[in-house]
C-alpha cells in the first residue's frame, strides 16, 4: 500500500504539508535509521532497502517539502547518522 505522503511527494511538486506531517515522516525515518544501524557494520539490503534507499527517502523529504529550519537540520542529521552507521 502506497502511503499518502509518499504519493504527494513523488507527484513532482512540493506539497503543502503541515509541520506535524513532516515531523511524523522524520520520526519514522529516524526509527528506521536506528533499526538499520543496530546490526553493526554495513547496512544490509533488506527487502530492497539498503543505504541508497534510506538516503533517497531522506533526501526526498528535504528536497520535495517545505521544511522549517529545525526540520531541515533534523533531516540532515539523519543523513549523517545513516552514513556513519554504514561502516565497513
N, C-alpha and C. Protein backbone atom coordinates (compact mmCIF):
# COMPACT_ATOMS: atom_id res chain seq x y z
N UNK A 1 0.84 -1.18 0.00
CA UNK A 1 0.00 0.00 0.00
C UNK A 1 0.88 1.24 0.00
N UNK A 2 0.67 2.10 -0.93
CA UNK A 2 1.47 3.32 -1.05
C UNK A 2 0.96 4.35 -0.06
N UNK A 3 1.89 4.92 0.69
CA UNK A 3 1.46 5.88 1.69
C UNK A 3 1.02 7.20 1.04
N UNK A 4 0.19 7.92 1.75
CA UNK A 4 -0.34 9.17 1.23
C UNK A 4 0.76 10.18 1.04
N UNK A 5 1.65 10.34 2.05
CA UNK A 5 2.69 11.36 1.93
C UNK A 5 3.65 11.05 0.81
N UNK A 6 3.98 9.75 0.58
CA UNK A 6 4.89 9.42 -0.49
C UNK A 6 4.27 9.75 -1.84
N UNK A 7 2.99 9.49 -2.02
CA UNK A 7 2.35 9.82 -3.29
C UNK A 7 2.30 11.33 -3.50
N UNK A 8 2.12 12.08 -2.42
CA UNK A 8 2.12 13.55 -2.54
C UNK A 8 3.50 14.07 -2.90
N UNK A 9 4.53 13.47 -2.31
CA UNK A 9 5.90 13.94 -2.56
C UNK A 9 6.36 13.60 -3.95
N UNK A 10 6.00 12.43 -4.46
CA UNK A 10 6.52 11.98 -5.74
C UNK A 10 5.75 12.53 -6.94
N UNK A 11 4.76 13.37 -6.72
CA UNK A 11 3.99 13.86 -7.87
C UNK A 11 4.67 15.02 -8.59
N UNK A 12 5.91 15.39 -8.18
CA UNK A 12 6.68 16.36 -8.93
C UNK A 12 6.64 17.78 -8.41
N UNK A 13 5.84 18.08 -7.43
CA UNK A 13 5.83 19.43 -6.87
C UNK A 13 5.84 19.34 -5.36
N UNK A 14 6.35 20.37 -4.74
CA UNK A 14 6.41 20.37 -3.28
C UNK A 14 5.01 20.55 -2.71
N UNK A 15 4.55 19.57 -1.97
CA UNK A 15 3.21 19.69 -1.40
C UNK A 15 3.20 20.61 -0.20
N UNK A 16 2.04 21.07 0.13
CA UNK A 16 1.88 21.85 1.35
C UNK A 16 1.52 20.84 2.45
N UNK A 17 2.50 20.52 3.26
CA UNK A 17 2.29 19.59 4.35
C UNK A 17 2.41 20.34 5.67
N UNK A 18 1.66 19.92 6.62
CA UNK A 18 1.76 20.54 7.93
C UNK A 18 3.09 20.16 8.57
N UNK A 19 3.53 20.99 9.50
CA UNK A 19 4.77 20.69 10.21
C UNK A 19 4.65 19.35 10.92
N UNK A 20 3.46 19.05 11.40
CA UNK A 20 3.23 17.78 12.09
C UNK A 20 3.42 16.60 11.14
N UNK A 21 2.94 16.73 9.92
CA UNK A 21 3.10 15.64 8.94
C UNK A 21 4.57 15.39 8.64
N UNK A 22 5.32 16.46 8.48
CA UNK A 22 6.75 16.31 8.21
C UNK A 22 7.44 15.71 9.43
N UNK A 23 7.04 16.15 10.62
CA UNK A 23 7.61 15.57 11.84
C UNK A 23 7.33 14.08 11.92
N UNK A 24 6.15 13.66 11.52
CA UNK A 24 5.81 12.24 11.52
C UNK A 24 6.69 11.46 10.54
N UNK A 25 6.94 12.04 9.37
CA UNK A 25 7.82 11.40 8.40
C UNK A 25 9.22 11.27 8.97
N UNK A 26 9.72 12.36 9.56
CA UNK A 26 11.06 12.34 10.13
C UNK A 26 11.16 11.38 11.32
N UNK A 27 10.10 11.29 12.12
CA UNK A 27 10.07 10.32 13.23
C UNK A 27 10.22 8.90 12.70
N UNK A 28 9.45 8.60 11.67
CA UNK A 28 9.51 7.26 11.07
C UNK A 28 10.91 6.98 10.52
N UNK A 29 11.46 7.93 9.79
CA UNK A 29 12.78 7.72 9.21
C UNK A 29 13.85 7.57 10.29
N UNK A 30 13.71 8.31 11.39
CA UNK A 30 14.67 8.20 12.49
C UNK A 30 14.63 6.80 13.09
N UNK A 31 13.43 6.26 13.28
CA UNK A 31 13.30 4.91 13.83
C UNK A 31 13.95 3.91 12.88
N UNK A 32 13.69 4.05 11.59
CA UNK A 32 14.23 3.10 10.63
C UNK A 32 15.75 3.21 10.51
N UNK A 33 16.28 4.41 10.56
CA UNK A 33 17.73 4.58 10.50
C UNK A 33 18.37 3.90 11.70
N UNK A 34 17.78 4.09 12.86
CA UNK A 34 18.34 3.48 14.07
C UNK A 34 18.21 1.96 14.04
N UNK A 35 17.13 1.45 13.47
CA UNK A 35 16.98 0.00 13.37
C UNK A 35 18.00 -0.61 12.41
N UNK A 36 18.25 0.06 11.31
CA UNK A 36 19.23 -0.47 10.35
C UNK A 36 20.63 -0.41 10.93
N UNK A 37 20.88 0.54 11.82
CA UNK A 37 22.21 0.68 12.42
C UNK A 37 22.47 -0.34 13.52
N UNK A 38 21.44 -0.92 14.08
CA UNK A 38 21.60 -1.85 15.19
C UNK A 38 22.41 -3.10 14.84
N UNK A 39 22.37 -3.50 13.61
CA UNK A 39 23.05 -4.73 13.21
C UNK A 39 24.57 -4.57 13.25
N UNK A 40 25.07 -3.35 13.22
CA UNK A 40 26.51 -3.13 13.18
C UNK A 40 27.05 -3.41 11.79
N UNK A 41 28.15 -2.78 11.46
CA UNK A 41 28.73 -2.97 10.14
C UNK A 41 27.92 -2.30 9.06
N UNK A 42 28.02 -2.82 7.86
CA UNK A 42 27.33 -2.21 6.72
C UNK A 42 25.83 -2.46 6.79
N UNK A 43 25.09 -1.50 6.29
CA UNK A 43 23.64 -1.65 6.23
C UNK A 43 23.32 -2.64 5.12
N UNK A 44 22.73 -3.73 5.50
CA UNK A 44 22.43 -4.80 4.55
C UNK A 44 21.21 -4.44 3.72
N UNK A 45 21.16 -5.01 2.56
CA UNK A 45 19.97 -4.86 1.73
C UNK A 45 18.89 -5.78 2.30
N UNK A 46 17.85 -5.16 2.84
CA UNK A 46 16.76 -5.93 3.42
C UNK A 46 15.51 -5.56 2.64
N UNK A 47 15.00 -6.51 1.89
CA UNK A 47 13.83 -6.29 1.05
C UNK A 47 13.99 -5.05 0.17
N UNK A 48 15.18 -4.88 -0.40
CA UNK A 48 15.44 -3.76 -1.31
C UNK A 48 15.71 -2.44 -0.63
N UNK A 49 15.85 -2.45 0.69
CA UNK A 49 16.04 -1.19 1.43
C UNK A 49 17.46 -1.12 1.97
N UNK A 50 18.39 -0.69 1.12
CA UNK A 50 19.78 -0.57 1.51
C UNK A 50 20.10 0.89 1.82
N UNK A 51 21.37 1.21 1.95
CA UNK A 51 21.79 2.58 2.28
C UNK A 51 21.23 3.59 1.28
N UNK A 52 21.33 3.28 -0.01
CA UNK A 52 20.83 4.21 -1.04
C UNK A 52 19.33 4.47 -0.90
N UNK A 53 18.59 3.42 -0.56
CA UNK A 53 17.15 3.58 -0.39
C UNK A 53 16.84 4.59 0.71
N UNK A 54 17.49 4.42 1.88
CA UNK A 54 17.22 5.32 3.00
C UNK A 54 17.72 6.72 2.73
N UNK A 55 18.86 6.86 2.04
CA UNK A 55 19.34 8.20 1.66
C UNK A 55 18.32 8.87 0.74
N UNK A 56 17.81 8.12 -0.22
CA UNK A 56 16.81 8.67 -1.14
C UNK A 56 15.54 9.12 -0.42
N UNK A 57 15.10 8.32 0.55
CA UNK A 57 13.89 8.69 1.31
C UNK A 57 14.10 10.01 2.06
N UNK A 58 15.24 10.13 2.73
CA UNK A 58 15.52 11.35 3.50
C UNK A 58 15.71 12.53 2.56
N UNK A 59 16.44 12.33 1.47
CA UNK A 59 16.64 13.43 0.51
C UNK A 59 15.34 13.87 -0.14
N UNK A 60 14.41 12.95 -0.34
CA UNK A 60 13.10 13.31 -0.89
C UNK A 60 12.37 14.25 0.05
N UNK A 61 12.42 13.94 1.34
CA UNK A 61 11.78 14.83 2.32
C UNK A 61 12.44 16.20 2.30
N UNK A 62 13.77 16.24 2.21
CA UNK A 62 14.49 17.51 2.19
C UNK A 62 14.17 18.32 0.93
N UNK A 63 14.20 17.64 -0.21
CA UNK A 63 14.08 18.33 -1.50
C UNK A 63 12.65 18.66 -1.91
N UNK A 64 11.70 17.85 -1.52
CA UNK A 64 10.35 17.97 -2.07
C UNK A 64 9.31 18.50 -1.09
N UNK A 65 9.74 18.94 0.07
CA UNK A 65 8.80 19.52 1.01
C UNK A 65 9.36 20.84 1.54
N UNK A 66 8.48 21.68 2.03
CA UNK A 66 8.90 22.93 2.65
C UNK A 66 9.12 22.66 4.14
N UNK A 67 10.38 22.71 4.56
CA UNK A 67 10.72 22.38 5.93
C UNK A 67 11.05 23.63 6.73
N UNK A 68 10.73 23.59 8.01
CA UNK A 68 11.24 24.60 8.93
C UNK A 68 12.73 24.33 9.08
N UNK A 69 13.48 25.32 9.53
CA UNK A 69 14.92 25.14 9.68
C UNK A 69 15.25 24.00 10.64
N UNK A 70 14.46 23.85 11.70
CA UNK A 70 14.72 22.77 12.66
C UNK A 70 14.48 21.40 12.01
N UNK A 71 13.48 21.31 11.13
CA UNK A 71 13.21 20.06 10.43
C UNK A 71 14.31 19.78 9.40
N UNK A 72 14.77 20.83 8.74
CA UNK A 72 15.87 20.69 7.78
C UNK A 72 17.11 20.15 8.50
N UNK A 73 17.42 20.74 9.65
CA UNK A 73 18.58 20.29 10.44
C UNK A 73 18.41 18.84 10.87
N UNK A 74 17.23 18.50 11.30
CA UNK A 74 16.96 17.13 11.75
C UNK A 74 17.14 16.13 10.60
N UNK A 75 16.65 16.46 9.43
CA UNK A 75 16.79 15.57 8.27
C UNK A 75 18.26 15.42 7.90
N UNK A 76 19.02 16.50 7.94
CA UNK A 76 20.44 16.42 7.61
C UNK A 76 21.20 15.59 8.65
N UNK A 77 20.82 15.71 9.92
CA UNK A 77 21.43 14.89 10.96
C UNK A 77 21.11 13.41 10.76
N UNK A 78 19.92 13.13 10.29
CA UNK A 78 19.57 11.74 9.98
C UNK A 78 20.46 11.18 8.88
N UNK A 79 20.76 12.00 7.87
CA UNK A 79 21.67 11.55 6.81
C UNK A 79 23.06 11.26 7.38
N UNK A 80 23.54 12.13 8.25
CA UNK A 80 24.85 11.92 8.87
C UNK A 80 24.84 10.64 9.70
N UNK A 81 23.79 10.46 10.48
CA UNK A 81 23.68 9.26 11.32
C UNK A 81 23.62 8.01 10.46
N UNK A 82 22.87 8.06 9.37
CA UNK A 82 22.76 6.92 8.47
C UNK A 82 24.12 6.56 7.88
N UNK A 83 24.83 7.55 7.38
CA UNK A 83 26.12 7.29 6.75
C UNK A 83 27.15 6.80 7.76
N UNK A 84 27.10 7.35 8.99
CA UNK A 84 28.09 6.91 9.99
C UNK A 84 27.80 5.50 10.48
N UNK A 85 26.55 5.07 10.42
CA UNK A 85 26.22 3.71 10.85
C UNK A 85 26.58 2.68 9.79
N UNK A 86 26.83 3.13 8.57
CA UNK A 86 27.16 2.21 7.47
C UNK A 86 28.69 2.13 7.35
N UNK A 87 29.30 1.45 8.30
CA UNK A 87 30.75 1.32 8.30
C UNK A 87 31.13 -0.07 7.80
N UNK A 88 32.32 -0.16 7.31
CA UNK A 88 32.79 -1.42 6.72
C UNK A 88 33.04 -2.50 7.71
